[in-house]
Amino acid sequence: MRFLSILCLFFVISCTNPNTKKSPDKLVAAVSENAKTVAVEFAIQGMTCAGCEQTIQSGIASLKGVKQVKANFKNGKAFVEFLPDIADTIQMKEKIAASGYVVAGVKSIPLDSLRVRL
C-alpha cells in the first residue's frame, strides 16, 4: 500500500510539473504543421527484398519536407508523409527512378490511414 501511495505521489508531481506542459504556442504550431501534412501511396515495381525497401526509404527520406516514409517490397508500395510546401511527388518519383525502380502509380491517402501503416 505504501508503494502505491508513493507511486501516486510521483504521478501527481510529474503531471503538475510546469516543464512537462506544452505552451499554447507550441500546440498551435504542432496542429498547424499537421494540418499541412499530406500522405501518398506509391505503387513501385521492381522491389524484391528488404534492401530494396531501405534504398527507397533512404532516397525519399533524404528530401527536405519528408516527415515519414515506409516501403514494403511484399506489396510493392511506399507510404510517405510530407509537407507539400517543401517537397512534392515529382521529386519522390525522381528519387525512386534514380534508384532503379519504376513508379506504377501515386495516390493520395488519408493521413490516419498512413499512420496505421507506419
C-alpha atoms as a PDB file:
ATOM      1  CA  MET A   1       0.000   0.000   0.000  1.00  0.00           C
ATOM      2  CA  ARG A   2       2.838   2.363   0.851  1.00  0.00           C
ATOM      3  CA  PHE A   3       4.408   1.692  -2.556  1.00  0.00           C
ATOM      4  CA  LEU A   4       1.137   2.565  -4.294  1.00  0.00           C
ATOM      5  CA  SER A   5       0.886   5.819  -2.347  1.00  0.00           C
ATOM      6  CA  ILE A   6       4.427   6.796  -3.305  1.00  0.00           C
ATOM      7  CA  LEU A   7       3.767   5.897  -6.934  1.00  0.00           C
ATOM      8  CA  CYS A   8       0.625   8.054  -6.964  1.00  0.00           C
ATOM      9  CA  LEU A   9       2.539  10.939  -5.414  1.00  0.00           C
ATOM     10  CA  PHE A  10       5.200  10.782  -8.143  1.00  0.00           C
ATOM     11  CA  PHE A  11       2.473  10.671 -10.776  1.00  0.00           C
ATOM     12  CA  VAL A  12       0.778  13.767  -9.365  1.00  0.00           C
ATOM     13  CA  ILE A  13       4.076  15.645  -9.162  1.00  0.00           C
ATOM     14  CA  SER A  14       5.020  14.777 -12.731  1.00  0.00           C
ATOM     15  CA  CYS A  15       1.605  15.825 -14.040  1.00  0.00           C
ATOM     16  CA  THR A  16       1.772  19.192 -12.315  1.00  0.00           C
ATOM     17  CA  ASN A  17       5.361  19.924 -13.355  1.00  0.00           C
ATOM     18  CA  PRO A  18       5.204  23.111 -15.484  1.00  0.00           C
ATOM     19  CA  ASN A  19       8.155  21.909 -17.575  1.00  0.00           C
ATOM     20  CA  THR A  20       6.143  18.992 -18.963  1.00  0.00           C
ATOM     21  CA  LYS A  21       3.245  21.086 -20.236  1.00  0.00           C
ATOM     22  CA  LYS A  22       3.313  22.414 -23.774  1.00  0.00           C
ATOM     23  CA  SER A  23       2.727  26.088 -24.235  1.00  0.00           C
ATOM     24  CA  PRO A  24      -0.303  27.102 -26.294  1.00  0.00           C
ATOM     25  CA  ASP A  25       2.022  28.465 -28.999  1.00  0.00           C
ATOM     26  CA  LYS A  26       3.744  25.088 -29.374  1.00  0.00           C
ATOM     27  CA  LEU A  27       0.404  23.296 -29.540  1.00  0.00           C
ATOM     28  CA  VAL A  28      -0.884  25.672 -32.210  1.00  0.00           C
ATOM     29  CA  ALA A  29       2.317  25.216 -34.229  1.00  0.00           C
ATOM     30  CA  ALA A  30       2.085  21.426 -33.969  1.00  0.00           C
ATOM     31  CA  VAL A  31      -1.567  21.379 -35.037  1.00  0.00           C
ATOM     32  CA  SER A  32      -0.866  23.829 -37.852  1.00  0.00           C
ATOM     33  CA  GLU A  33       2.022  21.742 -39.207  1.00  0.00           C
ATOM     34  CA  ASN A  34      -0.064  18.572 -39.002  1.00  0.00           C
ATOM     35  CA  ALA A  35      -2.837  20.279 -40.969  1.00  0.00           C
ATOM     36  CA  LYS A  36      -0.397  20.972 -43.808  1.00  0.00           C
ATOM     37  CA  THR A  37       0.871  17.382 -43.948  1.00  0.00           C
ATOM     38  CA  VAL A  38      -0.060  15.207 -46.922  1.00  0.00           C
ATOM     39  CA  ALA A  39       0.070  11.422 -47.276  1.00  0.00           C
ATOM     40  CA  VAL A  40       0.596   9.486 -50.502  1.00  0.00           C
ATOM     41  CA  GLU A  41       0.964   5.874 -51.546  1.00  0.00           C
ATOM     42  CA  PHE A  42       3.376   4.919 -54.330  1.00  0.00           C
ATOM     43  CA  ALA A  43       2.966   1.671 -56.256  1.00  0.00           C
ATOM     44  CA  ILE A  44       6.525   0.617 -57.126  1.00  0.00           C
ATOM     45  CA  GLN A  45       7.677  -2.134 -59.461  1.00  0.00           C
ATOM     46  CA  GLY A  46      10.978  -3.925 -59.019  1.00  0.00           C
ATOM     47  CA  MET A  47      11.326  -4.191 -55.243  1.00  0.00           C
ATOM     48  CA  THR A  48      12.351  -7.743 -54.323  1.00  0.00           C
ATOM     49  CA  CYS A  49      13.908  -7.590 -50.855  1.00  0.00           C
ATOM     50  CA  ALA A  50      14.393  -5.627 -47.643  1.00  0.00           C
ATOM     51  CA  GLY A  51      17.412  -3.939 -49.219  1.00  0.00           C
ATOM     52  CA  CYS A  52      15.100  -2.513 -51.877  1.00  0.00           C
ATOM     53  CA  GLU A  53      12.884  -1.133 -49.116  1.00  0.00           C
ATOM     54  CA  GLN A  54      15.890   0.543 -47.494  1.00  0.00           C
ATOM     55  CA  THR A  55      17.002   2.055 -50.803  1.00  0.00           C
ATOM     56  CA  ILE A  56      13.555   3.543 -51.434  1.00  0.00           C
ATOM     57  CA  GLN A  57      13.159   4.759 -47.846  1.00  0.00           C
ATOM     58  CA  SER A  58      16.559   6.413 -47.622  1.00  0.00           C
ATOM     59  CA  GLY A  59      16.180   8.045 -51.032  1.00  0.00           C
ATOM     60  CA  ILE A  60      12.805   9.596 -50.278  1.00  0.00           C
ATOM     61  CA  ALA A  61      13.706  10.433 -46.656  1.00  0.00           C
ATOM     62  CA  SER A  62      16.678  12.474 -47.906  1.00  0.00           C
ATOM     63  CA  LEU A  63      14.290  15.006 -49.457  1.00  0.00           C
ATOM     64  CA  LYS A  64      13.520  18.103 -47.415  1.00  0.00           C
ATOM     65  CA  GLY A  65       9.935  18.195 -46.204  1.00  0.00           C
ATOM     66  CA  VAL A  66       9.524  14.428 -45.912  1.00  0.00           C
ATOM     67  CA  LYS A  67       8.375  13.534 -42.409  1.00  0.00           C
ATOM     68  CA  GLN A  68       7.997   9.752 -42.667  1.00  0.00           C
ATOM     69  CA  VAL A  69       8.433   7.065 -45.298  1.00  0.00           C
ATOM     70  CA  LYS A  70       7.858   3.324 -45.199  1.00  0.00           C
ATOM     71  CA  ALA A  71       8.396   0.978 -48.143  1.00  0.00           C
ATOM     72  CA  ASN A  72       7.200  -2.621 -48.349  1.00  0.00           C
ATOM     73  CA  PHE A  73       8.623  -4.913 -51.015  1.00  0.00           C
ATOM     74  CA  LYS A  74       5.979  -7.606 -50.401  1.00  0.00           C
ATOM     75  CA  ASN A  75       3.134  -5.417 -51.611  1.00  0.00           C
ATOM     76  CA  GLY A  76       5.259  -3.117 -53.808  1.00  0.00           C
ATOM     77  CA  LYS A  77       4.225   0.065 -52.035  1.00  0.00           C
ATOM     78  CA  ALA A  78       5.800   3.037 -50.328  1.00  0.00           C
ATOM     79  CA  PHE A  79       3.873   5.296 -47.982  1.00  0.00           C
ATOM     80  CA  VAL A  80       5.073   8.866 -47.495  1.00  0.00           C
ATOM     81  CA  GLU A  81       4.044  11.700 -45.200  1.00  0.00           C
ATOM     82  CA  PHE A  82       5.378  15.080 -46.276  1.00  0.00           C
ATOM     83  CA  LEU A  83       4.891  18.841 -46.282  1.00  0.00           C
ATOM     84  CA  PRO A  84       3.678  19.824 -49.765  1.00  0.00           C
ATOM     85  CA  ASP A  85       5.050  23.364 -49.423  1.00  0.00           C
ATOM     86  CA  ILE A  86       8.569  21.898 -49.280  1.00  0.00           C
ATOM     87  CA  ALA A  87       8.512  18.528 -51.074  1.00  0.00           C
ATOM     88  CA  ASP A  88       6.445  17.089 -53.912  1.00  0.00           C
ATOM     89  CA  THR A  89       5.704  13.742 -55.526  1.00  0.00           C
ATOM     90  CA  ILE A  90       7.709  14.619 -58.644  1.00  0.00           C
ATOM     91  CA  GLN A  91      10.903  14.787 -56.578  1.00  0.00           C
ATOM     92  CA  MET A  92       9.995  11.484 -54.933  1.00  0.00           C
ATOM     93  CA  LYS A  93       9.343   9.802 -58.292  1.00  0.00           C
ATOM     94  CA  GLU A  94      12.732  11.020 -59.495  1.00  0.00           C
ATOM     95  CA  LYS A  95      14.445   9.547 -56.411  1.00  0.00           C
ATOM     96  CA  ILE A  96      12.685   6.226 -56.935  1.00  0.00           C
ATOM     97  CA  ALA A  97      13.580   6.129 -60.634  1.00  0.00           C
ATOM     98  CA  ALA A  98      17.200   7.096 -59.894  1.00  0.00           C
ATOM     99  CA  SER A  99      17.371   4.076 -57.579  1.00  0.00           C
ATOM    100  CA  GLY A 100      16.348   1.779 -60.439  1.00  0.00           C
ATOM    101  CA  TYR A 101      12.669   1.226 -59.698  1.00  0.00           C
ATOM    102  CA  VAL A 102       9.523   2.077 -61.650  1.00  0.00           C
ATOM    103  CA  VAL A 103       6.654   4.084 -60.180  1.00  0.00           C
ATOM    104  CA  ALA A 104       3.451   2.438 -61.398  1.00  0.00           C
ATOM    105  CA  GLY A 105       1.117   4.867 -59.648  1.00  0.00           C
ATOM    106  CA  VAL A 106       0.654   7.502 -56.952  1.00  0.00           C
ATOM    107  CA  LYS A 107      -2.462   8.235 -54.956  1.00  0.00           C
ATOM    108  CA  SER A 108      -3.348  10.429 -52.020  1.00  0.00           C
ATOM    109  CA  ILE A 109      -4.409   8.618 -48.891  1.00  0.00           C
ATOM    110  CA  PRO A 110      -5.892   9.831 -45.608  1.00  0.00           C
ATOM    111  CA  LEU A 111      -3.266  10.761 -43.038  1.00  0.00           C
ATOM    112  CA  ASP A 112      -4.857   8.444 -40.453  1.00  0.00           C
ATOM    113  CA  SER A 113      -4.565   5.545 -42.890  1.00  0.00           C
ATOM    114  CA  LEU A 114      -0.864   6.266 -43.356  1.00  0.00           C
ATOM    115  CA  ARG A 115      -0.127   6.404 -39.653  1.00  0.00           C
ATOM    116  CA  VAL A 116      -1.669   2.955 -39.194  1.00  0.00           C
ATOM    117  CA  ARG A 117       0.736   1.602 -41.820  1.00  0.00           C
ATOM    118  CA  LEU A 118       3.811   3.266 -40.349  1.00  0.00           C
END
